[in-house]
Amino acid sequence: MVFKTLIKFQFFLLFIYFTCCSSVFAQANSLDSLVSLEISLRNDSSKVIVLNQIADFYMGKNYIKSINYSKKALRLSRIIGYSKGSLNSLTTLANAYDYIGNYSEAQKLNFKILSIYEKDNNIEGINTIYNNIGIIHYYLGNYSHAIEFTKKSLKYYQNINDSIGIAMCYNNIANSYSDEEFYEKSLTYYFKALTFYEVLNDLSGVSLIKGNVGEVYIEKKKTKHMSI
């Protein structure tokens, strides 16, 4: 039996930020001023940056508008050959499609982002996107692929001793095993995650894992009763 709850996932969402020294960007701190600024700018990298800022502004507020502005930024980035702008646009698009439940489109974009990181040999970016790919595979019900990509990400966080990343990956792997009804494997990874969160004194993480562990025990009990 597959089950999902809102507390099951933690996300490492990779956003790319650009620092601009121009005072005109510093003044554009509201949506209206950003939109006005975008209209006034020439079709160059500055306009791409503003378009991406508008797209980021709409994240969590209006995903369709975020998608539209990201696409506009992506088109211009490709025309002028602004690779950093393209990457930022793709990242926002992938996150927006994820949030609205268009997982197949989000996954296509994740693999495009992965190819860029691989070309640039951006190790941190590669392993962050591995985790995101794993999460989308989970949503699509591709649990073996979800585990495969999350374990790739886990190896990276273990190599750099990133306890938060390790705990996150353990939790996400456990989620896939639990939905496959491999409950013992799931509990093994949940308890590994719990150990890290307790050492970190991360109360929200501890609460997350305990909730997930509780669900596994409930499902195990249901399965046992059904087999009697």
Foldseek 3Di string as FASTA:
>chain_A
DADDDPLQADADQDADDDDDPDVLVVVQPDLVSLVVVLVPDDLDVVNLNSLLVNLVVCVVPPLVSSLVSLVVSLVSCVVHVPVVSNLNSLSSNLVSCVVVVVLVVSLVSLVVNLVVCVVVVVVVSNLSSLQVNLVSCVVVVVLVSSLVSLVVSLVVCVVVVPLVSNLNSLSSNLSSCVSVVVLVSSVVSLVVSCVSCVVVVPVSSNVSSVVVNVVSVVVVVVVVVVVD
